[in-house]
Amino acid sequence: MKIEAVIVQNAVRLLGLTLIVLGFLFWSGTALSLIPLHMRLGETLVALLWILAIMGIRAKAPAGLIAAAILWGLVVVGFGMTMGGLLPGRAHEVIRVAHFLIGLAAIGLSESLAARIKRAITPSTAE
């Protein structure tokens, strides 16, 4: 399971970097046609977060961390899907910053879960 955790963790890192770069392109007013791609990649990142949560259950990671990952995934998807209609005009910058921070938190949760999973695996329990 350690190898799988490393693979999922690195996929989250790659997706996270891609999402951040796309997000800053959108902030600058360019590449707006890639917003649907950004949304699909964000959904994929959340799916990977949930996969890590399932792996965390198997690795006996703390229940609070697992619950936080599952709930935070719902927050990411819900906020991402509705953010376009929140605080129109100049005030929308607050929503953009919140979206950025919510996404970073999802990446951070993925990192925490992957670390716990890898620590929980000992040579006698490695698959």
C-alpha atoms as a PDB file:
ATOM      1  CA  MET A   1       0.000   0.000   0.000  1.00  0.00           C
ATOM      2  CA  LYS A   2       2.997   2.301   0.465  1.00  0.00           C
ATOM      3  CA  ILE A   3       3.677   2.378  -3.273  1.00  0.00           C
ATOM      4  CA  GLU A   4       0.050   3.223  -3.983  1.00  0.00           C
ATOM      5  CA  ALA A   5       0.152   6.038  -1.426  1.00  0.00           C
ATOM      6  CA  VAL A   6       3.279   7.475  -3.061  1.00  0.00           C
ATOM      7  CA  ILE A   7       1.667   7.297  -6.505  1.00  0.00           C
ATOM      8  CA  VAL A   8      -1.533   9.017  -5.357  1.00  0.00           C
ATOM      9  CA  GLN A   9       0.464  11.608  -3.382  1.00  0.00           C
ATOM     10  CA  ASN A  10       2.579  12.474  -6.415  1.00  0.00           C
ATOM     11  CA  ALA A  11      -0.518  12.649  -8.617  1.00  0.00           C
ATOM     12  CA  VAL A  12      -2.042  15.132  -6.145  1.00  0.00           C
ATOM     13  CA  ARG A  13       1.174  17.169  -6.219  1.00  0.00           C
ATOM     14  CA  LEU A  14       1.214  17.284 -10.027  1.00  0.00           C
ATOM     15  CA  LEU A  15      -2.486  18.126 -10.234  1.00  0.00           C
ATOM     16  CA  GLY A  16      -2.121  20.718  -7.486  1.00  0.00           C
ATOM     17  CA  LEU A  17       0.698  22.476  -9.315  1.00  0.00           C
ATOM     18  CA  THR A  18      -1.267  22.386 -12.577  1.00  0.00           C
ATOM     19  CA  LEU A  19      -4.374  23.775 -10.860  1.00  0.00           C
ATOM     20  CA  ILE A  20      -2.401  26.571  -9.201  1.00  0.00           C
ATOM     21  CA  VAL A  21      -0.785  27.587 -12.498  1.00  0.00           C
ATOM     22  CA  LEU A  22      -4.158  27.538 -14.263  1.00  0.00           C
ATOM     23  CA  GLY A  23      -5.731  29.512 -11.419  1.00  0.00           C
ATOM     24  CA  PHE A  24      -3.129  32.247 -11.662  1.00  0.00           C
ATOM     25  CA  LEU A  25      -3.621  32.356 -15.435  1.00  0.00           C
ATOM     26  CA  PHE A  26      -7.330  32.902 -14.836  1.00  0.00           C
ATOM     27  CA  TRP A  27      -6.550  35.582 -12.251  1.00  0.00           C
ATOM     28  CA  SER A  28      -4.496  37.400 -14.865  1.00  0.00           C
ATOM     29  CA  GLY A  29      -7.411  37.216 -17.283  1.00  0.00           C
ATOM     30  CA  THR A  30      -5.835  34.727 -19.686  1.00  0.00           C
ATOM     31  CA  ALA A  31      -6.659  31.151 -20.661  1.00  0.00           C
ATOM     32  CA  LEU A  32     -10.263  31.511 -19.481  1.00  0.00           C
ATOM     33  CA  SER A  33     -11.266  28.855 -22.008  1.00  0.00           C
ATOM     34  CA  LEU A  34      -9.446  26.339 -19.774  1.00  0.00           C
ATOM     35  CA  ILE A  35     -11.804  26.836 -16.821  1.00  0.00           C
ATOM     36  CA  PRO A  36     -13.710  23.590 -17.612  1.00  0.00           C
ATOM     37  CA  LEU A  37     -10.372  21.723 -17.595  1.00  0.00           C
ATOM     38  CA  HIS A  38      -9.526  23.352 -14.257  1.00  0.00           C
ATOM     39  CA  MET A  39     -12.849  22.169 -12.857  1.00  0.00           C
ATOM     40  CA  ARG A  40     -12.343  18.565 -14.049  1.00  0.00           C
ATOM     41  CA  LEU A  41      -8.801  18.515 -12.667  1.00  0.00           C
ATOM     42  CA  GLY A  42     -10.108  19.857  -9.356  1.00  0.00           C
ATOM     43  CA  GLU A  43     -12.678  17.083  -9.235  1.00  0.00           C
ATOM     44  CA  THR A  44      -9.909  14.578  -9.956  1.00  0.00           C
ATOM     45  CA  LEU A  45      -7.841  15.999  -7.108  1.00  0.00           C
ATOM     46  CA  VAL A  46     -10.802  15.574  -4.761  1.00  0.00           C
ATOM     47  CA  ALA A  47     -11.258  11.983  -5.958  1.00  0.00           C
ATOM     48  CA  LEU A  48      -7.589  11.337  -5.149  1.00  0.00           C
ATOM     49  CA  LEU A  49      -8.079  12.914  -1.724  1.00  0.00           C
ATOM     50  CA  TRP A  50     -10.950  10.504  -1.113  1.00  0.00           C
ATOM     51  CA  ILE A  51      -8.845   7.576  -2.336  1.00  0.00           C
ATOM     52  CA  LEU A  52      -6.226   8.565   0.220  1.00  0.00           C
ATOM     53  CA  ALA A  53      -8.968   8.703   2.854  1.00  0.00           C
ATOM     54  CA  ILE A  54      -9.979   5.127   1.998  1.00  0.00           C
ATOM     55  CA  MET A  55      -6.350   4.068   2.119  1.00  0.00           C
ATOM     56  CA  GLY A  56      -6.095   5.881   5.445  1.00  0.00           C
ATOM     57  CA  ILE A  57      -8.940   3.783   6.817  1.00  0.00           C
ATOM     58  CA  ARG A  58      -7.053   0.636   5.834  1.00  0.00           C
ATOM     59  CA  ALA A  59      -3.840   2.018   7.384  1.00  0.00           C
ATOM     60  CA  LYS A  60      -5.678   2.991  10.581  1.00  0.00           C
ATOM     61  CA  ALA A  61      -4.965   6.712  10.209  1.00  0.00           C
ATOM     62  CA  PRO A  62      -6.724   8.981  12.731  1.00  0.00           C
ATOM     63  CA  ALA A  63     -10.478   9.019  12.179  1.00  0.00           C
ATOM     64  CA  GLY A  64     -10.572  12.816  12.464  1.00  0.00           C
ATOM     65  CA  LEU A  65      -8.093  13.219   9.616  1.00  0.00           C
ATOM     66  CA  ILE A  66     -10.061  10.819   7.444  1.00  0.00           C
ATOM     67  CA  ALA A  67     -13.345  12.584   8.210  1.00  0.00           C
ATOM     68  CA  ALA A  68     -11.746  15.966   7.542  1.00  0.00           C
ATOM     69  CA  ALA A  69     -10.496  14.770   4.149  1.00  0.00           C
ATOM     70  CA  ILE A  70     -13.904  13.444   3.133  1.00  0.00           C
ATOM     71  CA  LEU A  71     -15.756  16.558   4.285  1.00  0.00           C
ATOM     72  CA  TRP A  72     -13.140  18.919   2.859  1.00  0.00           C
ATOM     73  CA  GLY A  73     -13.509  17.234  -0.533  1.00  0.00           C
ATOM     74  CA  LEU A  74     -17.202  18.102  -0.429  1.00  0.00           C
ATOM     75  CA  VAL A  75     -16.327  21.707   0.487  1.00  0.00           C
ATOM     76  CA  VAL A  76     -13.855  21.952  -2.412  1.00  0.00           C
ATOM     77  CA  VAL A  77     -16.338  20.674  -4.978  1.00  0.00           C
ATOM     78  CA  GLY A  78     -19.269  22.654  -3.592  1.00  0.00           C
ATOM     79  CA  PHE A  79     -17.363  25.912  -3.329  1.00  0.00           C
ATOM     80  CA  GLY A  80     -15.684  25.451  -6.700  1.00  0.00           C
ATOM     81  CA  MET A  81     -18.993  24.827  -8.469  1.00  0.00           C
ATOM     82  CA  THR A  82     -20.750  27.817  -6.902  1.00  0.00           C
ATOM     83  CA  MET A  83     -17.958  30.383  -6.628  1.00  0.00           C
ATOM     84  CA  GLY A  84     -18.813  32.066  -9.932  1.00  0.00           C
ATOM     85  CA  GLY A  85     -22.029  33.487  -8.519  1.00  0.00           C
ATOM     86  CA  LEU A  86     -20.638  34.609  -5.168  1.00  0.00           C
ATOM     87  CA  LEU A  87     -19.879  38.285  -4.470  1.00  0.00           C
ATOM     88  CA  PRO A  88     -19.949  39.718  -8.003  1.00  0.00           C
ATOM     89  CA  GLY A  89     -17.759  42.623  -9.019  1.00  0.00           C
ATOM     90  CA  ARG A  90     -14.616  43.712  -7.207  1.00  0.00           C
ATOM     91  CA  ALA A  91     -15.631  41.809  -4.079  1.00  0.00           C
ATOM     92  CA  HIS A  92     -15.217  38.568  -6.041  1.00  0.00           C
ATOM     93  CA  GLU A  93     -11.480  38.782  -5.334  1.00  0.00           C
ATOM     94  CA  VAL A  94     -12.283  37.595  -1.805  1.00  0.00           C
ATOM     95  CA  ILE A  95     -13.911  34.493  -3.299  1.00  0.00           C
ATOM     96  CA  ARG A  96     -10.875  33.866  -5.512  1.00  0.00           C
ATOM     97  CA  VAL A  97      -8.536  34.037  -2.520  1.00  0.00           C
ATOM     98  CA  ALA A  98     -10.842  31.743  -0.534  1.00  0.00           C
ATOM     99  CA  HIS A  99     -10.908  29.294  -3.454  1.00  0.00           C
ATOM    100  CA  PHE A 100      -7.114  29.302  -3.603  1.00  0.00           C
ATOM    101  CA  LEU A 101      -6.828  28.668   0.145  1.00  0.00           C
ATOM    102  CA  ILE A 102      -9.478  25.931   0.084  1.00  0.00           C
ATOM    103  CA  GLY A 103      -7.559  24.185  -2.711  1.00  0.00           C
ATOM    104  CA  LEU A 104      -4.261  24.501  -0.836  1.00  0.00           C
ATOM    105  CA  ALA A 105      -5.894  22.991   2.229  1.00  0.00           C
ATOM    106  CA  ALA A 106      -7.048  20.010   0.146  1.00  0.00           C
ATOM    107  CA  ILE A 107      -3.493  19.481  -1.064  1.00  0.00           C
ATOM    108  CA  GLY A 108      -2.248  19.780   2.514  1.00  0.00           C
ATOM    109  CA  LEU A 109      -4.770  17.206   3.728  1.00  0.00           C
ATOM    110  CA  SER A 110      -3.607  14.865   0.976  1.00  0.00           C
ATOM    111  CA  GLU A 111      -0.024  15.296   2.113  1.00  0.00           C
ATOM    112  CA  SER A 112      -0.956  14.618   5.737  1.00  0.00           C
ATOM    113  CA  LEU A 113      -2.937  11.518   4.858  1.00  0.00           C
ATOM    114  CA  ALA A 114      -0.219  10.137   2.597  1.00  0.00           C
ATOM    115  CA  ALA A 115       2.403  10.694   5.300  1.00  0.00           C
ATOM    116  CA  ARG A 116       0.252   8.894   7.896  1.00  0.00           C
ATOM    117  CA  ILE A 117      -0.379   6.012   5.509  1.00  0.00           C
ATOM    118  CA  LYS A 118       3.312   5.619   4.715  1.00  0.00           C
ATOM    119  CA  ARG A 119       4.240   5.792   8.426  1.00  0.00           C
ATOM    120  CA  ALA A 120       1.646   3.176   9.295  1.00  0.00           C
ATOM    121  CA  ILE A 121       3.140   0.694   6.861  1.00  0.00           C
ATOM    122  CA  THR A 122       5.859  -1.427   8.440  1.00  0.00           C
ATOM    123  CA  PRO A 123       7.908  -4.089   6.630  1.00  0.00           C
ATOM    124  CA  SER A 124       5.735  -6.820   8.154  1.00  0.00           C
ATOM    125  CA  THR A 125       2.493  -5.173   6.924  1.00  0.00           C
ATOM    126  CA  ALA A 126       3.718  -3.878   3.540  1.00  0.00           C
ATOM    127  CA  GLU A 127       1.846  -5.239   0.548  1.00  0.00           C
END
